[in-house]
PDB file of N, CA and C in Angstrom:
ATOM      1  N   MET A   1       0.731  -1.020   0.073  1.00  0.00           N
ATOM      2  CA  MET A   1      -0.045   0.204   0.177  1.00  0.00           C
ATOM      3  C   MET A   1       0.444   0.992   0.302  1.00  0.00           C
ATOM      4  N   SER A   2       1.027   2.354  -0.866  1.00  0.00           N
ATOM      5  CA  SER A   2       1.568   3.559  -0.974  1.00  0.00           C
ATOM      6  C   SER A   2       1.198   4.315   0.060  1.00  0.00           C
ATOM      7  N   LEU A   3       1.527   5.117   0.154  1.00  0.00           N
ATOM      8  CA  LEU A   3       1.513   6.271   1.459  1.00  0.00           C
ATOM      9  C   LEU A   3       0.352   7.375   1.222  1.00  0.00           C
ATOM     10  N   LYS A   4       0.049   7.604  -0.086  1.00  0.00           N
ATOM     11  CA  LYS A   4      -0.767   8.206  -0.556  1.00  0.00           C
ATOM     12  C   LYS A   4      -2.409   7.438  -0.205  1.00  0.00           C
ATOM     13  N   GLU A   5      -2.010   6.094  -0.641  1.00  0.00           N
ATOM     14  CA  GLU A   5      -3.144   5.320   0.037  1.00  0.00           C
ATOM     15  C   GLU A   5      -3.944   5.076   1.687  1.00  0.00           C
ATOM     16  N   LYS A   6      -2.387   4.958   2.277  1.00  0.00           N
ATOM     17  CA  LYS A   6      -2.798   5.063   3.498  1.00  0.00           C
ATOM     18  C   LYS A   6      -2.854   6.261   4.383  1.00  0.00           C
ATOM     19  N   LEU A   7      -2.802   7.483   3.896  1.00  0.00           N
ATOM     20  CA  LEU A   7      -3.219   9.120   3.996  1.00  0.00           C
ATOM     21  C   LEU A   7      -4.566   9.137   3.655  1.00  0.00           C
ATOM     22  N   ASP A   8      -4.874   8.345   2.701  1.00  0.00           N
ATOM     23  CA  ASP A   8      -6.636   8.517   2.139  1.00  0.00           C
ATOM     24  C   ASP A   8      -7.178   7.453   3.299  1.00  0.00           C
ATOM     25  N   GLY A   9      -6.753   6.500   3.483  1.00  0.00           N
ATOM     26  CA  GLY A   9      -7.615   5.499   4.451  1.00  0.00           C
ATOM     27  C   GLY A   9      -7.979   6.589   5.407  1.00  0.00           C
ATOM     28  N   ARG A  10      -6.882   7.063   6.266  1.00  0.00           N
ATOM     29  CA  ARG A  10      -7.150   7.838   7.693  1.00  0.00           C
ATOM     30  C   ARG A  10      -7.611   8.893   7.373  1.00  0.00           C
ATOM     31  N   ARG A  11      -7.836   9.453   6.136  1.00  0.00           N
ATOM     32  CA  ARG A  11      -8.566  10.917   5.943  1.00  0.00           C
ATOM     33  C   ARG A  11     -10.377  10.184   6.119  1.00  0.00           C
ATOM     34  N   GLU A  12     -10.853   9.208   5.200  1.00  0.00           N
ATOM     35  CA  GLU A  12     -11.696   8.330   5.171  1.00  0.00           C
ATOM     36  C   GLU A  12     -12.719   8.465   6.846  1.00  0.00           C
ATOM     37  N   GLU A  13     -11.387   7.383   7.437  1.00  0.00           N
ATOM     38  CA  GLU A  13     -11.788   7.133   8.745  1.00  0.00           C
ATOM     39  C   GLU A  13     -12.004   8.005   9.570  1.00  0.00           C
ATOM     40  N   PHE A  14     -11.277   9.406   9.763  1.00  0.00           N
ATOM     41  CA  PHE A  14     -11.457  10.442  10.078  1.00  0.00           C
ATOM     42  C   PHE A  14     -12.614  10.975  10.252  1.00  0.00           C
ATOM     43  N   LYS A  15     -13.051  11.439   8.649  1.00  0.00           N
ATOM     44  CA  LYS A  15     -14.435  11.626   8.621  1.00  0.00           C
ATOM     45  C   LYS A  15     -15.870  10.818   9.168  1.00  0.00           C
ATOM     46  N   LYS A  16     -15.438   9.966   9.493  1.00  0.00           N
ATOM     47  CA  LYS A  16     -16.194   8.922  10.098  1.00  0.00           C
ATOM     48  C   LYS A  16     -16.618   8.997  11.676  1.00  0.00           C
ATOM     49  N   ILE A  17     -15.399   8.920  11.936  1.00  0.00           N
ATOM     50  CA  ILE A  17     -15.328   9.464  13.531  1.00  0.00           C
ATOM     51  C   ILE A  17     -15.244  10.638  14.396  1.00  0.00           C
ATOM     52  N   ALA A  18     -14.798  11.868  13.368  1.00  0.00           N
ATOM     53  CA  ALA A  18     -14.518  13.175  13.795  1.00  0.00           C
ATOM     54  C   ALA A  18     -16.250  14.153  13.613  1.00  0.00           C
ATOM     55  N   PRO A  19     -16.412  14.654  14.659  1.00  0.00           N
ATOM     56  CA  PRO A  19     -17.495  15.952  14.988  1.00  0.00           C
ATOM     57  C   PRO A  19     -17.226  16.714  13.455  1.00  0.00           C
ATOM     58  N   PRO A  20     -18.423  17.135  13.045  1.00  0.00           N
ATOM     59  CA  PRO A  20     -18.370  17.792  11.875  1.00  0.00           C
ATOM     60  C   PRO A  20     -17.434  19.297  12.288  1.00  0.00           C
ATOM     61  N   GLU A  21     -18.128  19.641  13.412  1.00  0.00           N
ATOM     62  CA  GLU A  21     -17.504  21.198  14.041  1.00  0.00           C
ATOM     63  C   GLU A  21     -15.517  20.929  13.957  1.00  0.00           C
ATOM     64  N   ALA A  22     -15.269  19.695  14.364  1.00  0.00           N
ATOM     65  CA  ALA A  22     -13.583  19.673  14.512  1.00  0.00           C
ATOM     66  C   ALA A  22     -13.436  19.411  12.926  1.00  0.00           C
ATOM     67  N   GLN A  23     -14.247  18.590  11.983  1.00  0.00           N
ATOM     68  CA  GLN A  23     -13.376  18.848  11.024  1.00  0.00           C
ATOM     69  C   GLN A  23     -13.929  20.245   9.657  1.00  0.00           C
ATOM     70  N   GLU A  24     -14.242  20.996  10.419  1.00  0.00           N
ATOM     71  CA  GLU A  24     -14.100  22.071   9.753  1.00  0.00           C
ATOM     72  C   GLU A  24     -13.413  23.012   9.874  1.00  0.00           C
ATOM     73  N   ILE A  25     -12.798  23.220  11.768  1.00  0.00           N
ATOM     74  CA  ILE A  25     -12.082  23.984  11.972  1.00  0.00           C
ATOM     75  C   ILE A  25     -10.810  23.584  11.331  1.00  0.00           C
ATOM     76  N   MET A  26     -10.461  21.886  11.449  1.00  0.00           N
ATOM     77  CA  MET A  26      -9.529  21.357  11.247  1.00  0.00           C
ATOM     78  C   MET A  26      -9.223  21.807   8.894  1.00  0.00           C
ATOM     79  N   HIS A  27     -10.319  21.730   8.221  1.00  0.00           N
ATOM     80  CA  HIS A  27     -10.085  22.584   7.153  1.00  0.00           C
ATOM     81  C   HIS A  27     -10.186  23.897   7.108  1.00  0.00           C
ATOM     82  N   ARG A  28     -10.981  24.673   7.984  1.00  0.00           N
ATOM     83  CA  ARG A  28     -10.358  25.873   7.921  1.00  0.00           C
ATOM     84  C   ARG A  28      -8.865  26.506   8.298  1.00  0.00           C
ATOM     85  N   ALA A  29      -8.393  25.578   8.873  1.00  0.00           N
ATOM     86  CA  ALA A  29      -7.235  25.645   9.630  1.00  0.00           C
ATOM     87  C   ALA A  29      -5.922  25.382   8.378  1.00  0.00           C
ATOM     88  N   THR A  30      -6.282  24.595   7.822  1.00  0.00           N
ATOM     89  CA  THR A  30      -5.709  23.914   6.668  1.00  0.00           C
ATOM     90  C   THR A  30      -5.732  24.879   5.479  1.00  0.00           C
ATOM     91  N   GLU A  31      -6.826  25.595   5.332  1.00  0.00           N
ATOM     92  CA  GLU A  31      -6.895  26.632   4.182  1.00  0.00           C
ATOM     93  C   GLU A  31      -6.043  27.977   4.652  1.00  0.00           C
ATOM     94  N   ASP A  32      -6.218  28.005   5.718  1.00  0.00           N
ATOM     95  CA  ASP A  32      -5.690  29.190   6.102  1.00  0.00           C
ATOM     96  C   ASP A  32      -4.048  29.025   6.238  1.00  0.00           C
ATOM     97  N   LEU A  33      -3.807  27.720   6.126  1.00  0.00           N
ATOM     98  CA  LEU A  33      -1.723  27.859   5.907  1.00  0.00           C
ATOM     99  C   LEU A  33      -1.932  27.704   5.058  1.00  0.00           C
ATOM    100  N   ARG A  34      -2.082  27.323   4.009  1.00  0.00           N
ATOM    101  CA  ARG A  34      -2.344  27.626   2.570  1.00  0.00           C
ATOM    102  C   ARG A  34      -2.098  28.890   1.888  1.00  0.00           C
ATOM    103  N   ASN A  35      -3.147  29.513   2.440  1.00  0.00           N
ATOM    104  CA  ASN A  35      -3.486  31.051   2.098  1.00  0.00           C
ATOM    105  C   ASN A  35      -2.181  31.672   2.622  1.00  0.00           C
ATOM    106  N   SER A  36      -1.375  31.035   3.558  1.00  0.00           N
ATOM    107  CA  SER A  36      -0.383  32.220   4.438  1.00  0.00           C
ATOM    108  C   SER A  36       1.005  31.536   3.505  1.00  0.00           C
ATOM    109  N   GLY A  37       1.105  31.153   2.264  1.00  0.00           N
ATOM    110  CA  GLY A  37       2.267  31.507   1.568  1.00  0.00           C
ATOM    111  C   GLY A  37       3.101  30.102   2.010  1.00  0.00           C
ATOM    112  N   ILE A  38       2.541  29.421   3.120  1.00  0.00           N
ATOM    113  CA  ILE A  38       3.788  28.386   3.781  1.00  0.00           C
ATOM    114  C   ILE A  38       4.208  27.584   2.832  1.00  0.00           C
ATOM    115  N   LEU A  39       3.417  27.161   1.888  1.00  0.00           N
ATOM    116  CA  LEU A  39       3.966  26.402   1.158  1.00  0.00           C
ATOM    117  C   LEU A  39       5.194  25.829   0.432  1.00  0.00           C
ATOM    118  N   GLU A  40       5.179  27.573  -0.014  1.00  0.00           N
ATOM    119  CA  GLU A  40       6.034  27.973  -1.193  1.00  0.00           C
ATOM    120  C   GLU A  40       7.581  28.370  -0.621  1.00  0.00           C
ATOM    121  N   ARG A  41       7.004  28.325   0.886  1.00  0.00           N
ATOM    122  CA  ARG A  41       8.904  28.830   2.049  1.00  0.00           C
ATOM    123  C   ARG A  41       9.494  27.267   2.261  1.00  0.00           C
ATOM    124  N   ALA A  42       8.679  26.353   2.377  1.00  0.00           N
ATOM    125  CA  ALA A  42       9.291  25.006   3.078  1.00  0.00           C
ATOM    126  C   ALA A  42       9.803  24.080   2.277  1.00  0.00           C
ATOM    127  N   LEU A  43      10.970  23.531   2.383  1.00  0.00           N
ATOM    128  CA  LEU A  43      11.778  22.716   2.100  1.00  0.00           C
ATOM    129  C   LEU A  43      10.868  21.468   0.748  1.00  0.00           C
ATOM    130  N   LYS A  44      11.476  21.856  -0.123  1.00  0.00           N
ATOM    131  CA  LYS A  44      10.912  20.667  -1.273  1.00  0.00           C
ATOM    132  C   LYS A  44      11.644  18.861  -0.686  1.00  0.00           C
ATOM    133  N   VAL A  45      11.592  18.368  -1.566  1.00  0.00           N
ATOM    134  CA  VAL A  45      12.159  16.785  -1.336  1.00  0.00           C
ATOM    135  C   VAL A  45      13.343  16.844  -1.989  1.00  0.00           C
ATOM    136  N   GLY A  46      14.698  16.615  -1.715  1.00  0.00           N
ATOM    137  CA  GLY A  46      16.065  16.705  -1.925  1.00  0.00           C
ATOM    138  C   GLY A  46      16.538  18.159  -1.666  1.00  0.00           C
ATOM    139  N   ASP A  47      15.755  18.874  -0.771  1.00  0.00           N
ATOM    140  CA  ASP A  47      16.524  20.039   0.058  1.00  0.00           C
ATOM    141  C   ASP A  47      17.125  20.058   1.060  1.00  0.00           C
ATOM    142  N   ARG A  48      18.226  20.338   1.344  1.00  0.00           N
ATOM    143  CA  ARG A  48      18.971  20.523   2.469  1.00  0.00           C
ATOM    144  C   ARG A  48      18.448  20.735   3.887  1.00  0.00           C
ATOM    145  N   GLY A  49      18.553  20.625   4.854  1.00  0.00           N
ATOM    146  CA  GLY A  49      17.547  21.467   6.051  1.00  0.00           C
ATOM    147  C   GLY A  49      18.971  22.222   6.995  1.00  0.00           C
ATOM    148  N   PRO A  50      18.893  22.800   7.652  1.00  0.00           N
ATOM    149  CA  PRO A  50      19.591  23.617   8.568  1.00  0.00           C
ATOM    150  C   PRO A  50      20.014  22.237   9.470  1.00  0.00           C
ATOM    151  N   GLY A  51      21.332  22.350   9.825  1.00  0.00           N
ATOM    152  CA  GLY A  51      21.779  21.962  10.440  1.00  0.00           C
ATOM    153  C   GLY A  51      20.957  21.715  12.283  1.00  0.00           C
ATOM    154  N   PHE A  52      21.007  21.198  13.187  1.00  0.00           N
ATOM    155  CA  PHE A  52      20.129  21.238  14.367  1.00  0.00           C
ATOM    156  C   PHE A  52      21.061  20.957  15.544  1.00  0.00           C
ATOM    157  N   GLU A  53      20.488  20.941  17.028  1.00  0.00           N
ATOM    158  CA  GLU A  53      20.905  20.241  18.180  1.00  0.00           C
ATOM    159  C   GLU A  53      19.231  20.013  18.810  1.00  0.00           C
ATOM    160  N   LEU A  54      19.204  19.124  19.530  1.00  0.00           N
ATOM    161  CA  LEU A  54      17.503  19.143  19.764  1.00  0.00           C
ATOM    162  C   LEU A  54      17.321  18.012  20.914  1.00  0.00           C
ATOM    163  N   LYS A  55      17.130  18.225  22.460  1.00  0.00           N
ATOM    164  CA  LYS A  55      16.806  17.016  22.641  1.00  0.00           C
ATOM    165  C   LYS A  55      16.115  15.798  22.629  1.00  0.00           C
ATOM    166  N   ASN A  56      16.317  14.460  22.511  1.00  0.00           N
ATOM    167  CA  ASN A  56      15.339  13.642  22.451  1.00  0.00           C
ATOM    168  C   ASN A  56      14.721  13.079  23.177  1.00  0.00           C
ATOM    169  N   VAL A  57      13.763  12.009  23.626  1.00  0.00           N
ATOM    170  CA  VAL A  57      12.576  11.734  24.367  1.00  0.00           C
ATOM    171  C   VAL A  57      13.359  11.433  25.686  1.00  0.00           C
ATOM    172  N   GLU A  58      14.371  11.160  25.314  1.00  0.00           N
ATOM    173  CA  GLU A  58      14.883  10.860  26.785  1.00  0.00           C
ATOM    174  C   GLU A  58      15.984  12.357  27.616  1.00  0.00           C
ATOM    175  N   GLY A  59      15.782  13.273  26.971  1.00  0.00           N
ATOM    176  CA  GLY A  59      16.655  14.747  27.467  1.00  0.00           C
ATOM    177  C   GLY A  59      17.858  14.904  27.434  1.00  0.00           C
ATOM    178  N   ASN A  60      18.491  13.794  25.738  1.00  0.00           N
ATOM    179  CA  ASN A  60      19.693  13.992  25.265  1.00  0.00           C
ATOM    180  C   ASN A  60      19.984  14.503  24.552  1.00  0.00           C
ATOM    181  N   LEU A  61      20.672  15.594  24.308  1.00  0.00           N
ATOM    182  CA  LEU A  61      21.355  16.271  23.302  1.00  0.00           C
ATOM    183  C   LEU A  61      21.674  15.630  21.881  1.00  0.00           C
ATOM    184  N   VAL A  62      20.863  15.686  20.805  1.00  0.00           N
ATOM    185  CA  VAL A  62      21.357  14.992  19.590  1.00  0.00           C
ATOM    186  C   VAL A  62      21.496  15.814  18.825  1.00  0.00           C
ATOM    187  N   ARG A  63      22.713  15.528  17.574  1.00  0.00           N
ATOM    188  CA  ARG A  63      23.627  16.803  16.682  1.00  0.00           C
ATOM    189  C   ARG A  63      22.871  16.172  15.186  1.00  0.00           C
ATOM    190  N   SER A  64      22.438  16.762  14.773  1.00  0.00           N
ATOM    191  CA  SER A  64      21.702  16.191  13.146  1.00  0.00           C
ATOM    192  C   SER A  64      23.018  15.850  12.453  1.00  0.00           C
ATOM    193  N   TYR A  65      24.599  16.618  12.554  1.00  0.00           N
ATOM    194  CA  TYR A  65      25.362  16.021  11.846  1.00  0.00           C
ATOM    195  C   TYR A  65      25.937  14.677  12.118  1.00  0.00           C
ATOM    196  N   GLU A  66      25.911  14.238  13.511  1.00  0.00           N
ATOM    197  CA  GLU A  66      26.090  13.128  14.182  1.00  0.00           C
ATOM    198  C   GLU A  66      25.303  11.997  13.502  1.00  0.00           C
ATOM    199  N   LEU A  67      23.936  12.566  13.544  1.00  0.00           N
ATOM    200  CA  LEU A  67      22.665  11.556  13.072  1.00  0.00           C
ATOM    201  C   LEU A  67      22.885  10.973  11.625  1.00  0.00           C
ATOM    202  N   LEU A  68      23.755  12.259  10.808  1.00  0.00           N
ATOM    203  CA  LEU A  68      23.834  11.977   9.680  1.00  0.00           C
ATOM    204  C   LEU A  68      25.166  10.855   9.112  1.00  0.00           C
ATOM    205  N   LYS A  69      25.747  10.682  10.006  1.00  0.00           N
ATOM    206  CA  LYS A  69      26.766   9.883   9.817  1.00  0.00           C
ATOM    207  C   LYS A  69      26.493   8.738   9.393  1.00  0.00           C
ATOM    208  N   SER A  70      25.404   8.191   9.624  1.00  0.00           N
ATOM    209  CA  SER A  70      24.624   7.121   9.852  1.00  0.00           C
ATOM    210  C   SER A  70      24.142   6.894   8.474  1.00  0.00           C
ATOM    211  N   GLY A  71      23.476   7.895   8.124  1.00  0.00           N
ATOM    212  CA  GLY A  71      22.652   7.817   6.696  1.00  0.00           C
ATOM    213  C   GLY A  71      21.585   8.653   6.661  1.00  0.00           C
ATOM    214  N   PRO A  72      20.768   8.788   5.568  1.00  0.00           N
ATOM    215  CA  PRO A  72      19.645   9.674   5.816  1.00  0.00           C
ATOM    216  C   PRO A  72      18.691   9.641   7.299  1.00  0.00           C
ATOM    217  N   LEU A  73      18.633  11.163   6.989  1.00  0.00           N
ATOM    218  CA  LEU A  73      17.588  11.614   8.696  1.00  0.00           C
ATOM    219  C   LEU A  73      16.343  11.631   8.471  1.00  0.00           C
ATOM    220  N   VAL A  74      15.620  11.502   9.255  1.00  0.00           N
ATOM    221  CA  VAL A  74      14.158  11.786   8.778  1.00  0.00           C
ATOM    222  C   VAL A  74      13.514  12.213  10.164  1.00  0.00           C
ATOM    223  N   LEU A  75      12.872  13.532  10.236  1.00  0.00           N
ATOM    224  CA  LEU A  75      12.518  13.823  11.587  1.00  0.00           C
ATOM    225  C   LEU A  75      10.855  13.952  11.297  1.00  0.00           C
ATOM    226  N   ALA A  76      10.227  13.667  12.634  1.00  0.00           N
ATOM    227  CA  ALA A  76       8.973  13.375  12.683  1.00  0.00           C
ATOM    228  C   ALA A  76       8.262  14.200  14.068  1.00  0.00           C
ATOM    229  N   PHE A  77       7.811  15.093  13.548  1.00  0.00           N
ATOM    230  CA  PHE A  77       7.340  16.101  14.942  1.00  0.00           C
ATOM    231  C   PHE A  77       5.456  15.765  14.936  1.00  0.00           C
ATOM    232  N   TYR A  78       5.461  15.509  16.382  1.00  0.00           N
ATOM    233  CA  TYR A  78       4.270  15.363  16.982  1.00  0.00           C
ATOM    234  C   TYR A  78       3.043  16.284  17.830  1.00  0.00           C
ATOM    235  N   ARG A  79       2.324  16.550  16.741  1.00  0.00           N
ATOM    236  CA  ARG A  79       1.650  17.603  17.309  1.00  0.00           C
ATOM    237  C   ARG A  79       0.777  17.538  18.076  1.00  0.00           C
ATOM    238  N   GLY A  80       0.273  16.382  18.538  1.00  0.00           N
ATOM    239  CA  GLY A  80      -0.516  16.434  19.857  1.00  0.00           C
ATOM    240  C   GLY A  80      -1.898  15.810  19.433  1.00  0.00           C
ATOM    241  N   LYS A  81      -3.070  16.081  20.901  1.00  0.00           N
ATOM    242  CA  LYS A  81      -4.417  15.386  20.309  1.00  0.00           C
ATOM    243  C   LYS A  81      -4.742  16.299  19.455  1.00  0.00           C
ATOM    244  N   TRP A  82      -5.857  16.416  18.637  1.00  0.00           N
ATOM    245  CA  TRP A  82      -6.890  17.449  17.732  1.00  0.00           C
ATOM    246  C   TRP A  82      -7.891  17.522  18.823  1.00  0.00           C
TER     247      TRP A  82
END
């Protein structure tokens, strides 16, 4: 199953369980982001991101340049509960 298929499935499940008010808020927020121009400023596939130092879940400092020594790096941001 492709990522697009998985995301489409998640979207359909969300439509079944989320109250209409929550869906409207989410759609409005998404449209506001699109209208802000953020997509034009976002990194694209293949772009290099800036180096960084962040604490991991255990509170230890990690550096992007050290992580990249082991191969490609993927970042995931948890937005929290809607």
